[in-house]
Amino acid sequence: MTRAPSPPPELPGFEYLRPLGTGGFADVFLYEQQLPKREVAVKVLLADRLAAGAAEEFTNEANVMAMLSTHPAIVTIHQAGVAVDGRPYLVMEYCPRPNLQVRTRREPFSVAEALRVGVQVSGAVETAHRAGVLHRDIKPANILVTAYNRPALTDFGIASTTAAVDGAAGMSIPWSPPESFAENPSTSVRTDVYALSATVFTLLAGRSPFERRGERNSSADLIERIERMAVPRIDRPDVPDSLQAVLNRGMAKRPDDRYPSAVAFARALQKVQIELAHSVTPIDIVDEHPSHEELEDDGDGLTRVREVRSISPDTQSQTRPSATTVRREAEGPPAGVPRFTTPPTDVEDDTRRRPPAAAPAVADDDEATVLRRPKVVVPDADAPQERVSGAGAQPTPTDAVRPAPRRGGMPWWGWLLVIVGAALVVLGIVFAASLLGDRIEPSPVSTSAPPPEPKDPIAVAVPRVTDLTGTVEGDAVTFTWTNPAPEEGDEYMWYEVTLDGEGEPNVTAETSATVEKADAGRTCVEVVLRRGDGRSSPEAVRGCAG
């Protein structure tokens, strides 16, 4: 059974509100920061873990998350410190929505949303890898959801450097690769790629990849299946074969058979989005030393690589060419592209000599070809004009401005024929209209009912169940509830809630459920109303008895 939360510490400038969750190393509480005014999540290390050396691990998590938390898919760290009672704490962004593990217990994700989340979280993992950090515990429960419905990766408590090749402490079994259970466990970038793939699988299937409904799913059972079984097929008709193939490769048994990086896995998910005609989710990557190819990004906009820039105060007034510009100027234009050389500035325009590739010029017999800038000459209207004919004649200014002679136009009798023909066409149209006048009827006026008013999206929202109560009857508790707006095909998903978390979901068409009492304590369940078209109430309703 899950233990009770530890006492919340007193933190100057923060007001305690309520607990948010418990873990093996720390508890998380909701506080209200006084300045600036906002709700924050505070993660506090357990007192009995101080002597066990967890303080160093806690400090490592704070430093890693502070380095990466500017990424839009990583939980933001506001500050860290040590409470009055000696326990270290982290002040983090508060993500009010349920984490992805809670959501998948209620219902699987749509293919579109699973792909979007997979690409966004992969960008966060790739950013961590480029900073030299392995997460080592990627799973749905460690992906929170912000108030703006964006995934936010958290819990870097067991993160290590990408150079580390041994140790798998703290990894969650259902999302861990086979090498984590070897005699000498190893971790690498491809270990996180496996966990990313297993997480996307969970979002689509509603369970971890090797979990079987109705069978034993102990740690030993899961490890044996992870090491020996092929990746199961997701039993959904809307999951295309291409997406199943991406997940199969991401969870390959041998690390070398997987995608070489998180960004490669994200690009594979983007190809599935393109295949399904979905909006393609960009990959956000923060890199201190991105390559020129990544910065240019081929113009597709599918990967947004940002580099860290530092600007010296004494050089702000100067314009410094980018590295790409310097490289291109040094290398010159690509092969096949002509090079254009700027002419000297000390040569007068009227006597500037042009490159041989310019347009051909007429040369005199006794001197070199010299091209001059054309000049506009306004002729004197009173001056006599002369024309010189012959092969070597040059046009005079008058020739340049004299309009070309008009060619012969249509004779007068041609215009007369055009007018007569047009008059005959008009008379024909009038005569035809008079013959058909009695046959033309006005279009019937539609007497159908006006279109229905648009539905209010709030009015069609699925309501929550009401009057959830429990009655103890011997060794069992019977819970009943009311559907405030019943419809055909309604059903109810309910599950028991204990200190160990949420139990397996059950589905019933009745408005009651019976739970066997585990002990003499309280028994609690949560109930969600689900319509026949797949929509469900936004939040579960909890009821307790005993």
Protein backbone atom coordinates (compact mmCIF):
# COMPACT_ATOMS: atom_id res chain seq x y z
CA MET A 1 0.00 0.00 0.00
CA THR A 2 1.15 3.52 -0.73
CA ARG A 3 2.35 5.41 2.30
CA ALA A 4 0.81 8.66 3.52
CA PRO A 5 2.50 11.90 2.33
CA SER A 6 5.20 13.37 4.50
CA PRO A 7 4.52 16.66 6.36
CA PRO A 8 4.80 19.60 3.94
CA PRO A 9 7.72 21.90 4.80
CA GLU A 10 7.35 25.58 5.62
CA LEU A 11 8.78 27.61 2.76
CA PRO A 12 9.19 31.38 3.00
CA GLY A 13 7.09 33.11 0.35
CA PHE A 14 4.96 30.03 -0.31
CA GLU A 15 1.60 28.94 1.12
CA TYR A 16 0.84 25.20 1.30
CA LEU A 17 -2.40 24.09 -0.41
CA ARG A 18 -2.58 20.28 -0.71
CA PRO A 19 -0.59 17.14 -1.62
CA LEU A 20 -0.23 16.13 -5.27
CA GLY A 21 1.53 12.77 -5.11
CA THR A 22 4.02 10.49 -3.40
CA GLY A 23 7.02 8.54 -4.65
CA GLY A 24 9.87 6.39 -3.50
CA PHE A 25 12.25 9.31 -3.03
CA ALA A 26 10.13 12.42 -2.72
CA ASP A 27 6.65 13.88 -2.26
CA VAL A 28 5.04 16.57 -4.41
CA PHE A 29 2.83 19.30 -2.93
CA LEU A 30 0.82 22.16 -4.36
CA TYR A 31 1.84 25.58 -3.03
CA GLU A 32 0.85 29.12 -3.90
CA GLN A 33 3.82 31.39 -4.50
CA GLN A 34 3.19 34.85 -3.12
CA LEU A 35 5.41 36.87 -5.49
CA PRO A 36 4.75 36.45 -8.32
CA LYS A 37 1.30 35.10 -7.51
CA ARG A 38 0.93 31.64 -9.02
CA GLU A 39 0.39 27.99 -8.15
CA VAL A 40 3.52 25.85 -8.24
CA ALA A 41 4.39 22.20 -7.63
CA VAL A 42 7.05 21.66 -4.97
CA LYS A 43 8.96 18.37 -4.94
CA VAL A 44 10.45 17.63 -1.50
CA LEU A 45 13.02 14.91 -0.78
CA LEU A 46 12.03 12.47 1.98
CA ALA A 47 13.90 12.90 5.26
CA ASP A 48 14.95 9.24 5.45
CA ARG A 49 16.56 9.52 2.02
CA LEU A 50 19.06 12.15 3.12
CA ALA A 51 21.24 9.56 4.82
CA ALA A 52 20.93 7.18 1.86
CA GLY A 53 22.76 9.53 -0.50
CA ALA A 54 19.67 10.62 -2.41
CA ALA A 55 20.46 14.29 -1.80
CA GLU A 56 23.17 14.19 -4.48
CA GLU A 57 20.74 12.58 -6.92
CA PHE A 58 18.15 15.21 -6.05
CA THR A 59 20.65 17.99 -6.71
CA ASN A 60 21.57 16.37 -10.02
CA GLU A 61 17.90 16.38 -11.05
CA ALA A 62 17.62 20.08 -10.19
CA ASN A 63 20.67 20.96 -12.29
CA VAL A 64 19.62 18.81 -15.25
CA MET A 65 16.06 20.16 -15.36
CA ALA A 66 17.24 23.75 -14.94
CA MET A 67 19.52 23.27 -17.95
CA LEU A 68 16.75 21.78 -20.12
CA SER A 69 13.55 23.32 -18.79
CA THR A 70 13.38 26.09 -21.40
CA HIS A 71 12.24 23.40 -23.83
CA PRO A 72 8.46 23.62 -24.42
CA ALA A 73 8.03 19.88 -23.70
CA ILE A 74 10.03 19.78 -20.44
CA VAL A 75 8.64 20.89 -17.07
CA THR A 76 10.00 24.30 -16.10
CA ILE A 77 12.06 24.65 -12.90
CA HIS A 78 11.55 27.96 -11.09
CA GLN A 79 13.97 27.57 -8.16
CA ALA A 80 15.50 25.11 -5.71
CA GLY A 81 16.59 25.25 -2.10
CA VAL A 82 16.71 23.57 1.29
CA ALA A 83 13.75 23.86 3.68
CA VAL A 84 14.06 24.78 7.36
CA ASP A 85 13.86 21.09 8.33
CA GLY A 86 16.85 20.28 6.10
CA ARG A 87 14.99 18.66 3.20
CA PRO A 88 15.95 19.81 -0.33
CA TYR A 89 13.09 20.93 -2.57
CA LEU A 90 12.38 21.93 -6.17
CA VAL A 91 9.82 24.56 -7.20
CA MET A 92 8.41 23.50 -10.57
CA GLU A 93 5.73 24.47 -13.04
CA TYR A 94 2.32 23.20 -11.94
CA CYS A 95 0.65 21.04 -14.59
CA PRO A 96 -3.02 20.79 -13.56
CA ARG A 97 -4.19 18.21 -16.10
CA PRO A 98 -3.88 14.43 -15.44
CA ASN A 99 -0.63 12.86 -16.58
CA LEU A 100 -0.64 10.54 -19.57
CA GLN A 101 -0.77 7.38 -17.45
CA VAL A 102 -4.03 8.52 -15.81
CA ARG A 103 -5.51 9.40 -19.19
CA THR A 104 -4.65 6.07 -20.81
CA ARG A 105 -6.37 4.21 -17.96
CA ARG A 106 -9.61 5.96 -18.88
CA GLU A 107 -9.41 5.56 -22.66
CA PRO A 108 -6.73 5.21 -25.36
CA PHE A 109 -5.50 8.24 -27.30
CA SER A 110 -6.56 8.95 -30.85
CA VAL A 111 -3.91 8.22 -33.48
CA ALA A 112 -3.56 11.95 -34.24
CA GLU A 113 -2.96 12.92 -30.60
CA ALA A 114 -0.58 10.01 -29.94
CA LEU A 115 1.53 11.05 -32.95
CA ARG A 116 1.55 14.69 -31.84
CA VAL A 117 2.62 13.84 -28.29
CA GLY A 118 5.24 11.38 -29.57
CA VAL A 119 6.88 13.99 -31.80
CA GLN A 120 6.85 16.69 -29.11
CA VAL A 121 8.31 14.47 -26.37
CA SER A 122 10.90 13.08 -28.80
CA GLY A 123 12.12 16.64 -29.37
CA ALA A 124 12.57 17.05 -25.60
CA VAL A 125 14.48 13.75 -25.34
CA GLU A 126 16.68 14.67 -28.32
CA THR A 127 17.46 18.02 -26.65
CA ALA A 128 18.50 16.19 -23.47
CA HIS A 129 20.69 13.79 -25.46
CA ARG A 130 22.44 16.66 -27.25
CA ALA A 131 23.13 18.19 -23.84
CA GLY A 132 24.73 14.88 -22.79
CA VAL A 133 21.85 13.62 -20.62
CA LEU A 134 19.96 10.30 -20.73
CA HIS A 135 16.53 10.34 -19.10
CA ARG A 136 16.38 6.55 -18.40
CA ASP A 137 12.79 6.56 -17.08
CA ILE A 138 10.51 7.67 -19.92
CA LYS A 139 6.95 6.45 -19.34
CA PRO A 140 3.41 7.90 -19.49
CA ALA A 141 3.36 8.75 -15.77
CA ASN A 142 6.43 10.97 -16.21
CA ILE A 143 4.78 13.05 -18.95
CA LEU A 144 2.63 15.73 -17.39
CA VAL A 145 0.17 17.95 -19.26
CA THR A 146 0.28 21.74 -18.96
CA ALA A 147 -2.72 24.04 -18.75
CA TYR A 148 -2.34 24.58 -22.51
CA ASN A 149 -2.64 20.82 -23.18
CA ARG A 150 1.03 20.37 -24.08
CA PRO A 151 3.05 17.37 -22.83
CA ALA A 152 5.84 18.16 -20.38
CA LEU A 153 8.52 15.59 -19.57
CA THR A 154 9.58 15.45 -15.93
CA ASP A 155 11.38 13.28 -13.34
CA PHE A 156 15.03 13.42 -14.41
CA GLY A 157 15.94 11.95 -10.99
CA ILE A 158 17.83 8.97 -12.41
CA ALA A 159 19.20 10.73 -15.47
CA SER A 160 22.82 10.07 -16.40
CA THR A 161 25.27 11.20 -19.03
CA THR A 162 25.12 9.80 -22.55
CA ALA A 163 28.62 8.43 -22.00
CA ALA A 164 27.34 6.05 -19.30
CA VAL A 165 26.94 2.49 -20.54
CA ASP A 166 26.11 0.54 -17.40
CA GLY A 167 23.40 0.57 -14.79
CA ALA A 168 19.64 0.56 -15.15
CA ALA A 169 18.62 1.49 -11.62
CA GLY A 170 15.22 3.00 -11.26
CA MET A 171 13.87 2.15 -14.71
CA SER A 172 10.21 1.14 -14.89
CA ILE A 173 9.93 -2.46 -16.09
CA PRO A 174 6.95 -2.20 -18.52
CA TRP A 175 8.73 0.44 -20.66
CA SER A 176 12.33 -0.84 -20.32
CA PRO A 177 14.30 -2.59 -23.11
CA PRO A 178 15.80 -6.11 -22.82
CA GLU A 179 19.34 -4.82 -22.13
CA SER A 180 18.11 -3.32 -18.86
CA PHE A 181 17.59 -6.83 -17.47
CA ALA A 182 20.89 -8.35 -18.63
CA GLU A 183 23.47 -9.59 -16.17
CA ASN A 184 25.40 -6.41 -16.83
CA PRO A 185 22.68 -3.80 -17.57
CA SER A 186 23.54 -1.08 -20.08
CA THR A 187 21.96 2.20 -21.12
CA SER A 188 22.40 4.36 -24.21
CA VAL A 189 20.55 6.78 -26.43
CA ARG A 190 18.71 3.81 -27.96
CA THR A 191 17.49 2.83 -24.51
CA ASP A 192 15.51 6.07 -24.36
CA VAL A 193 14.33 5.46 -27.95
CA TYR A 194 12.87 2.12 -26.82
CA ALA A 195 11.06 3.79 -23.91
CA LEU A 196 9.71 6.50 -26.26
CA SER A 197 8.30 3.84 -28.58
CA ALA A 198 6.81 1.87 -25.67
CA THR A 199 5.18 5.07 -24.38
CA VAL A 200 3.52 5.84 -27.74
CA PHE A 201 2.37 2.18 -27.87
CA THR A 202 0.78 2.62 -24.42
CA LEU A 203 -1.08 5.75 -25.49
CA LEU A 204 -2.63 3.85 -28.41
CA ALA A 205 -3.30 0.50 -26.71
CA GLY A 206 -4.32 1.74 -23.25
CA ARG A 207 -1.77 -0.59 -21.62
CA SER A 208 1.99 -1.20 -21.65
CA PRO A 209 3.28 -3.18 -24.66
CA PHE A 210 3.68 -6.59 -22.99
CA GLU A 211 0.84 -6.38 -20.50
CA ARG A 212 -1.91 -8.95 -21.15
CA ARG A 213 -5.47 -8.44 -20.03
CA GLY A 214 -6.84 -11.24 -17.88
CA GLU A 215 -3.40 -12.81 -17.30
CA ARG A 216 -0.66 -12.48 -14.72
CA ASN A 217 1.40 -9.36 -15.24
CA SER A 218 3.99 -9.60 -12.49
CA SER A 219 7.48 -8.15 -12.92
CA ALA A 220 8.89 -11.58 -13.79
CA ASP A 221 6.17 -12.16 -16.41
CA LEU A 222 6.78 -8.78 -18.04
CA ILE A 223 10.57 -9.22 -18.13
CA GLU A 224 10.25 -12.63 -19.80
CA ARG A 225 7.90 -11.25 -22.46
CA ILE A 226 10.10 -8.19 -23.07
CA GLU A 227 13.13 -10.42 -23.63
CA ARG A 228 11.45 -13.11 -25.76
CA MET A 229 8.17 -11.96 -27.32
CA ALA A 230 7.76 -9.96 -30.49
CA VAL A 231 6.10 -6.57 -30.15
CA PRO A 232 2.32 -7.23 -30.04
CA ARG A 233 0.08 -5.73 -32.67
CA ILE A 234 -2.21 -2.91 -31.53
CA ASP A 235 -5.76 -4.20 -31.94
CA ARG A 236 -7.23 -1.07 -33.51
CA PRO A 237 -8.44 -0.70 -37.10
CA ASP A 238 -7.39 2.98 -37.26
CA VAL A 239 -3.71 2.25 -36.48
CA PRO A 240 -1.99 1.96 -39.91
CA ASP A 241 0.63 -0.68 -40.66
CA SER A 242 3.23 2.06 -41.10
CA LEU A 243 2.78 3.22 -37.49
CA GLN A 244 2.96 -0.37 -36.21
CA ALA A 245 6.21 -0.79 -38.17
CA VAL A 246 7.65 2.39 -36.60
CA LEU A 247 6.88 1.09 -33.10
CA ASN A 248 8.26 -2.36 -33.93
CA ARG A 249 11.57 -0.86 -34.98
CA GLY A 250 11.67 1.49 -32.00
CA MET A 251 11.24 -1.51 -29.64
CA ALA A 252 13.57 -3.90 -31.45
CA LYS A 253 15.31 -6.43 -29.18
CA ARG A 254 18.81 -5.45 -30.35
CA PRO A 255 19.73 -1.79 -29.75
CA ASP A 256 21.47 -1.57 -33.15
CA ASP A 257 18.18 -2.42 -34.89
CA ARG A 258 16.36 0.57 -33.37
CA TYR A 259 16.30 4.16 -34.55
CA PRO A 260 19.73 5.71 -33.89
CA SER A 261 18.30 8.80 -32.18
CA ALA A 262 15.14 10.31 -30.76
CA VAL A 263 14.94 12.77 -33.66
CA ALA A 264 15.07 9.87 -36.14
CA PHE A 265 12.13 8.29 -34.30
CA ALA A 266 10.28 11.62 -34.40
CA ARG A 267 10.84 11.96 -38.16
CA ALA A 268 9.39 8.46 -38.64
CA LEU A 269 6.26 9.58 -36.75
CA GLN A 270 6.08 12.69 -38.95
CA LYS A 271 6.04 10.48 -42.06
CA VAL A 272 3.02 8.66 -40.64
CA GLN A 273 1.34 12.03 -40.07
CA ILE A 274 1.98 12.94 -43.71
CA GLU A 275 0.65 9.57 -44.85
CA LEU A 276 -2.58 10.10 -42.86
CA ALA A 277 -2.90 13.74 -44.08
CA HIS A 278 -2.61 15.03 -40.51
CA SER A 279 -1.01 18.32 -39.55
CA VAL A 280 2.72 17.65 -39.19
CA THR A 281 4.02 18.45 -35.71
CA PRO A 282 7.39 20.31 -35.75
CA ILE A 283 10.30 18.84 -33.77
CA ASP A 284 11.63 21.41 -31.28
CA ILE A 285 15.34 20.90 -30.55
CA VAL A 286 17.63 23.13 -28.49
CA ASP A 287 21.31 22.63 -29.34
CA GLU A 288 24.34 24.67 -28.30
CA HIS A 289 26.24 23.60 -31.42
CA PRO A 290 23.79 22.80 -34.23
CA SER A 291 25.16 21.96 -37.64
CA HIS A 292 24.63 24.32 -40.56
CA GLU A 293 22.36 21.75 -42.20
CA GLU A 294 20.09 21.72 -39.14
CA LEU A 295 19.96 25.50 -38.94
CA GLU A 296 19.01 25.75 -42.61
CA ASP A 297 16.53 22.85 -42.17
CA ASP A 298 16.01 22.46 -45.94
CA GLY A 299 13.14 24.94 -45.68
CA ASP A 300 10.57 22.28 -44.67
CA GLY A 301 9.82 23.77 -41.25
CA LEU A 302 9.45 20.31 -39.68
CA THR A 303 12.45 20.62 -37.35
CA ARG A 304 13.07 23.81 -35.39
CA VAL A 305 16.67 23.83 -34.16
CA ARG A 306 17.64 26.70 -31.90
CA GLU A 307 21.19 27.52 -30.87
CA VAL A 308 22.34 29.37 -27.80
CA ARG A 309 23.69 32.80 -28.74
CA SER A 310 25.84 35.14 -26.67
CA ILE A 311 26.31 38.77 -27.68
CA SER A 312 29.21 40.83 -26.40
CA PRO A 313 28.14 44.33 -25.23
CA ASP A 314 31.00 46.05 -27.03
CA THR A 315 30.14 44.48 -30.40
CA GLN A 316 26.44 45.11 -30.52
CA SER A 317 26.84 48.04 -32.91
CA GLN A 318 28.77 45.89 -35.39
CA THR A 319 27.27 43.64 -38.00
CA ARG A 320 28.89 40.25 -37.98
CA PRO A 321 28.33 37.84 -40.87
CA SER A 322 26.97 34.44 -39.96
CA ALA A 323 29.12 31.34 -40.15
CA THR A 324 27.08 30.14 -43.11
CA THR A 325 27.76 33.42 -44.99
CA VAL A 326 31.50 33.30 -44.28
CA ARG A 327 31.66 29.69 -45.39
CA ARG A 328 29.82 30.38 -48.62
CA GLU A 329 31.98 33.43 -49.46
CA ALA A 330 35.16 31.42 -48.89
CA GLU A 331 34.00 28.45 -50.97
CA GLY A 332 32.58 30.54 -53.81
CA PRO A 333 29.49 29.69 -55.79
CA PRO A 334 28.60 26.07 -56.51
CA ALA A 335 29.75 24.41 -59.69
CA GLY A 336 27.80 25.43 -62.73
CA VAL A 337 26.80 28.81 -61.35
CA PRO A 338 28.55 31.78 -63.07
CA ARG A 339 30.67 34.03 -60.89
CA PHE A 340 29.93 37.76 -61.21
CA THR A 341 32.78 40.12 -60.45
CA THR A 342 32.12 43.68 -59.33
CA PRO A 343 33.85 46.15 -61.70
CA PRO A 344 36.41 48.63 -60.35
CA THR A 345 34.95 51.78 -58.91
CA ASP A 346 37.62 54.11 -60.29
CA VAL A 347 36.57 53.60 -63.92
CA GLU A 348 34.15 56.11 -65.37
CA ASP A 349 30.77 54.65 -66.28
CA ASP A 350 30.90 56.03 -69.81
CA THR A 351 34.17 54.20 -70.60
CA ARG A 352 33.66 51.06 -68.42
CA ARG A 353 34.73 47.93 -70.18
CA ARG A 354 32.25 45.01 -69.84
CA PRO A 355 32.96 41.29 -69.54
CA PRO A 356 33.04 39.28 -72.78
CA ALA A 357 29.82 37.46 -71.72
CA ALA A 358 27.81 40.67 -72.19
CA ALA A 359 25.55 41.28 -75.17
CA PRO A 360 27.46 41.58 -78.54
CA ALA A 361 28.38 45.08 -79.68
CA VAL A 362 29.04 46.60 -83.10
CA ALA A 363 32.76 47.31 -83.48
CA ASP A 364 34.51 49.80 -85.76
CA ASP A 365 37.17 48.52 -88.04
CA ASP A 366 40.10 50.35 -86.47
CA GLU A 367 39.40 50.29 -82.72
CA ALA A 368 38.43 47.86 -79.97
CA THR A 369 34.86 47.32 -78.97
CA VAL A 370 33.78 49.76 -76.26
CA LEU A 371 30.28 49.61 -74.82
CA ARG A 372 28.84 52.80 -73.46
CA ARG A 373 25.84 53.40 -71.24
CA PRO A 374 22.92 54.46 -73.46
CA LYS A 375 22.02 58.13 -73.22
CA VAL A 376 18.66 59.73 -73.71
CA VAL A 377 18.89 62.44 -76.38
CA VAL A 378 16.05 64.88 -76.91
CA PRO A 379 16.11 66.02 -80.54
CA ASP A 380 15.64 69.63 -81.53
CA ALA A 381 12.33 69.88 -83.32
CA ASP A 382 13.58 72.75 -85.53
CA ALA A 383 16.77 71.03 -86.60
CA PRO A 384 16.78 69.39 -90.04
CA GLN A 385 16.83 65.58 -89.89
CA GLU A 386 18.74 63.41 -92.26
CA ARG A 387 18.50 59.68 -92.82
CA VAL A 388 21.44 57.65 -93.98
CA SER A 389 20.68 54.40 -95.68
CA GLY A 390 23.01 51.56 -96.16
CA ALA A 391 24.44 48.63 -94.30
CA GLY A 392 26.65 50.67 -92.02
CA ALA A 393 24.06 53.33 -91.21
CA GLN A 394 23.52 54.31 -87.61
CA PRO A 395 20.09 55.44 -86.33
CA THR A 396 19.70 59.08 -85.52
CA PRO A 397 18.03 60.30 -82.33
CA THR A 398 14.96 61.16 -84.40
CA ASP A 399 14.70 57.53 -85.47
CA ALA A 400 14.68 56.42 -81.84
CA VAL A 401 11.63 58.49 -80.92
CA ARG A 402 9.70 58.47 -84.23
CA PRO A 403 6.57 56.27 -83.96
CA ALA A 404 6.25 53.29 -86.28
CA PRO A 405 3.87 53.80 -89.22
CA ARG A 406 0.35 52.36 -88.75
CA ARG A 407 -0.46 49.30 -90.71
CA GLY A 408 -3.57 49.23 -92.86
CA GLY A 409 -6.81 48.82 -90.85
CA MET A 410 -10.23 47.38 -91.61
CA PRO A 411 -12.04 49.15 -94.54
CA TRP A 412 -15.32 50.99 -93.96
CA TRP A 413 -17.44 48.26 -95.46
CA GLY A 414 -15.93 45.78 -92.97
CA TRP A 415 -17.16 47.83 -90.05
CA LEU A 416 -20.60 48.06 -91.66
CA LEU A 417 -20.85 44.25 -91.85
CA VAL A 418 -19.89 43.92 -88.17
CA ILE A 419 -22.64 46.37 -87.09
CA VAL A 420 -25.31 44.63 -89.18
CA GLY A 421 -24.35 41.21 -87.81
CA ALA A 422 -24.55 42.39 -84.21
CA ALA A 423 -28.03 43.86 -84.84
CA LEU A 424 -29.26 40.54 -86.25
CA VAL A 425 -28.01 38.64 -83.18
CA VAL A 426 -29.87 41.01 -80.85
CA LEU A 427 -33.12 40.67 -82.83
CA GLY A 428 -32.84 36.85 -82.73
CA ILE A 429 -32.44 36.85 -78.94
CA VAL A 430 -35.50 39.10 -78.48
CA PHE A 431 -37.64 36.89 -80.78
CA ALA A 432 -36.65 33.67 -78.94
CA ALA A 433 -37.45 35.23 -75.58
CA SER A 434 -40.94 36.22 -76.76
CA LEU A 435 -41.71 32.63 -77.88
CA LEU A 436 -40.60 31.07 -74.62
CA GLY A 437 -42.09 33.72 -72.33
CA ASP A 438 -45.20 31.69 -71.55
CA ARG A 439 -43.20 28.54 -70.78
CA ILE A 440 -40.86 29.99 -68.22
CA GLU A 441 -42.09 29.53 -64.71
CA PRO A 442 -40.56 31.08 -61.62
CA SER A 443 -38.48 28.83 -59.41
CA PRO A 444 -40.57 27.33 -56.62
CA VAL A 445 -40.02 28.87 -53.24
CA SER A 446 -38.58 26.38 -50.81
CA THR A 447 -41.02 25.55 -48.05
CA SER A 448 -38.64 23.27 -46.15
CA ALA A 449 -37.93 23.94 -42.53
CA PRO A 450 -35.03 26.30 -41.73
CA PRO A 451 -31.68 24.67 -40.93
CA PRO A 452 -31.31 23.57 -37.33
CA GLU A 453 -29.63 25.90 -34.95
CA PRO A 454 -25.98 25.01 -34.20
CA LYS A 455 -25.60 22.97 -31.08
CA ASP A 456 -24.10 24.54 -28.06
CA PRO A 457 -20.82 22.66 -27.43
CA ILE A 458 -21.35 23.02 -23.71
CA ALA A 459 -24.84 21.56 -23.96
CA VAL A 460 -23.61 18.39 -25.74
CA ALA A 461 -20.80 17.77 -23.26
CA VAL A 462 -21.07 14.46 -21.45
CA PRO A 463 -22.17 15.10 -17.86
CA ARG A 464 -20.68 13.47 -14.79
CA VAL A 465 -22.61 10.90 -12.79
CA THR A 466 -24.26 12.13 -9.60
CA ASP A 467 -25.34 10.74 -6.22
CA LEU A 468 -22.38 8.32 -6.05
CA THR A 469 -22.80 6.53 -2.69
CA GLY A 470 -21.55 3.29 -1.18
CA THR A 471 -23.19 0.81 1.19
CA VAL A 472 -21.22 -1.72 3.22
CA GLU A 473 -22.75 -5.19 3.10
CA GLY A 474 -20.59 -7.66 5.02
CA ASP A 475 -17.29 -8.10 3.18
CA ALA A 476 -18.38 -6.08 0.16
CA VAL A 477 -19.30 -2.50 -0.68
CA THR A 478 -22.01 -1.74 -3.24
CA PHE A 479 -21.80 1.63 -4.96
CA THR A 480 -24.71 3.20 -6.82
CA TRP A 481 -24.95 6.37 -8.89
CA THR A 482 -27.31 8.34 -11.12
CA ASN A 483 -27.02 9.26 -14.81
CA PRO A 484 -28.39 12.84 -15.03
CA ALA A 485 -29.04 12.62 -18.80
CA PRO A 486 -29.29 8.98 -19.92
CA GLU A 487 -28.97 8.09 -23.61
CA GLU A 488 -29.11 4.84 -25.52
CA GLY A 489 -25.76 3.03 -25.48
CA ASP A 490 -24.51 4.65 -22.24
CA GLU A 491 -22.06 2.65 -20.16
CA TYR A 492 -19.93 3.33 -17.11
CA MET A 493 -16.21 2.75 -16.56
CA TRP A 494 -15.31 2.37 -12.90
CA TYR A 495 -12.21 1.34 -10.99
CA GLU A 496 -11.21 1.02 -7.37
CA VAL A 497 -8.85 3.64 -5.94
CA THR A 498 -6.44 2.53 -3.22
CA LEU A 499 -3.26 3.90 -1.75
CA ASP A 500 -1.42 1.89 -4.40
CA GLY A 501 -3.17 3.91 -7.10
CA GLU A 502 -5.98 3.15 -9.51
CA GLY A 503 -7.02 -0.45 -10.10
CA GLU A 504 -8.00 -2.15 -13.34
CA PRO A 505 -10.91 -0.41 -15.12
CA ASN A 506 -14.26 -2.19 -15.34
CA VAL A 507 -17.13 -1.44 -17.73
CA THR A 508 -20.80 -1.92 -16.92
CA ALA A 509 -24.14 -0.84 -18.32
CA GLU A 510 -25.70 -0.78 -14.84
CA THR A 511 -25.65 2.15 -12.44
CA SER A 512 -24.11 0.08 -9.65
CA ALA A 513 -20.95 -1.88 -8.89
CA THR A 514 -19.79 -4.12 -6.02
CA VAL A 515 -16.25 -4.13 -4.59
CA GLU A 516 -14.86 -6.67 -2.14
CA LYS A 517 -13.42 -4.98 0.92
CA ALA A 518 -9.67 -5.40 1.25
CA ASP A 519 -9.53 -4.43 4.92
CA ALA A 520 -11.49 -2.56 7.53
CA GLY A 521 -10.54 0.81 6.05
CA ARG A 522 -12.38 2.97 3.52
CA THR A 523 -13.18 1.69 0.05
CA CYS A 524 -13.22 4.19 -2.81
CA VAL A 525 -14.13 4.01 -6.50
CA GLU A 526 -14.16 6.45 -9.40
CA VAL A 527 -16.86 6.37 -12.10
CA VAL A 528 -16.81 7.85 -15.64
CA LEU A 529 -19.90 8.06 -17.90
CA ARG A 530 -19.17 7.04 -21.50
CA ARG A 531 -21.56 7.55 -24.43
CA GLY A 532 -22.16 5.06 -27.20
CA ASP A 533 -20.20 7.25 -29.65
CA GLY A 534 -17.05 7.06 -27.51
CA ARG A 535 -17.34 10.45 -25.75
CA SER A 536 -16.93 10.43 -21.99
CA SER A 537 -17.33 12.84 -19.10
CA PRO A 538 -14.28 15.08 -18.62
CA GLU A 539 -13.60 14.00 -15.03
CA ALA A 540 -14.26 10.94 -12.94
CA VAL A 541 -16.46 11.14 -9.86
CA ARG A 542 -15.05 9.60 -6.68
CA GLY A 543 -17.09 8.02 -3.88
CA CYS A 544 -15.98 6.28 -0.67
CA ALA A 545 -17.63 4.14 2.01
CA GLY A 546 -16.56 2.48 5.26
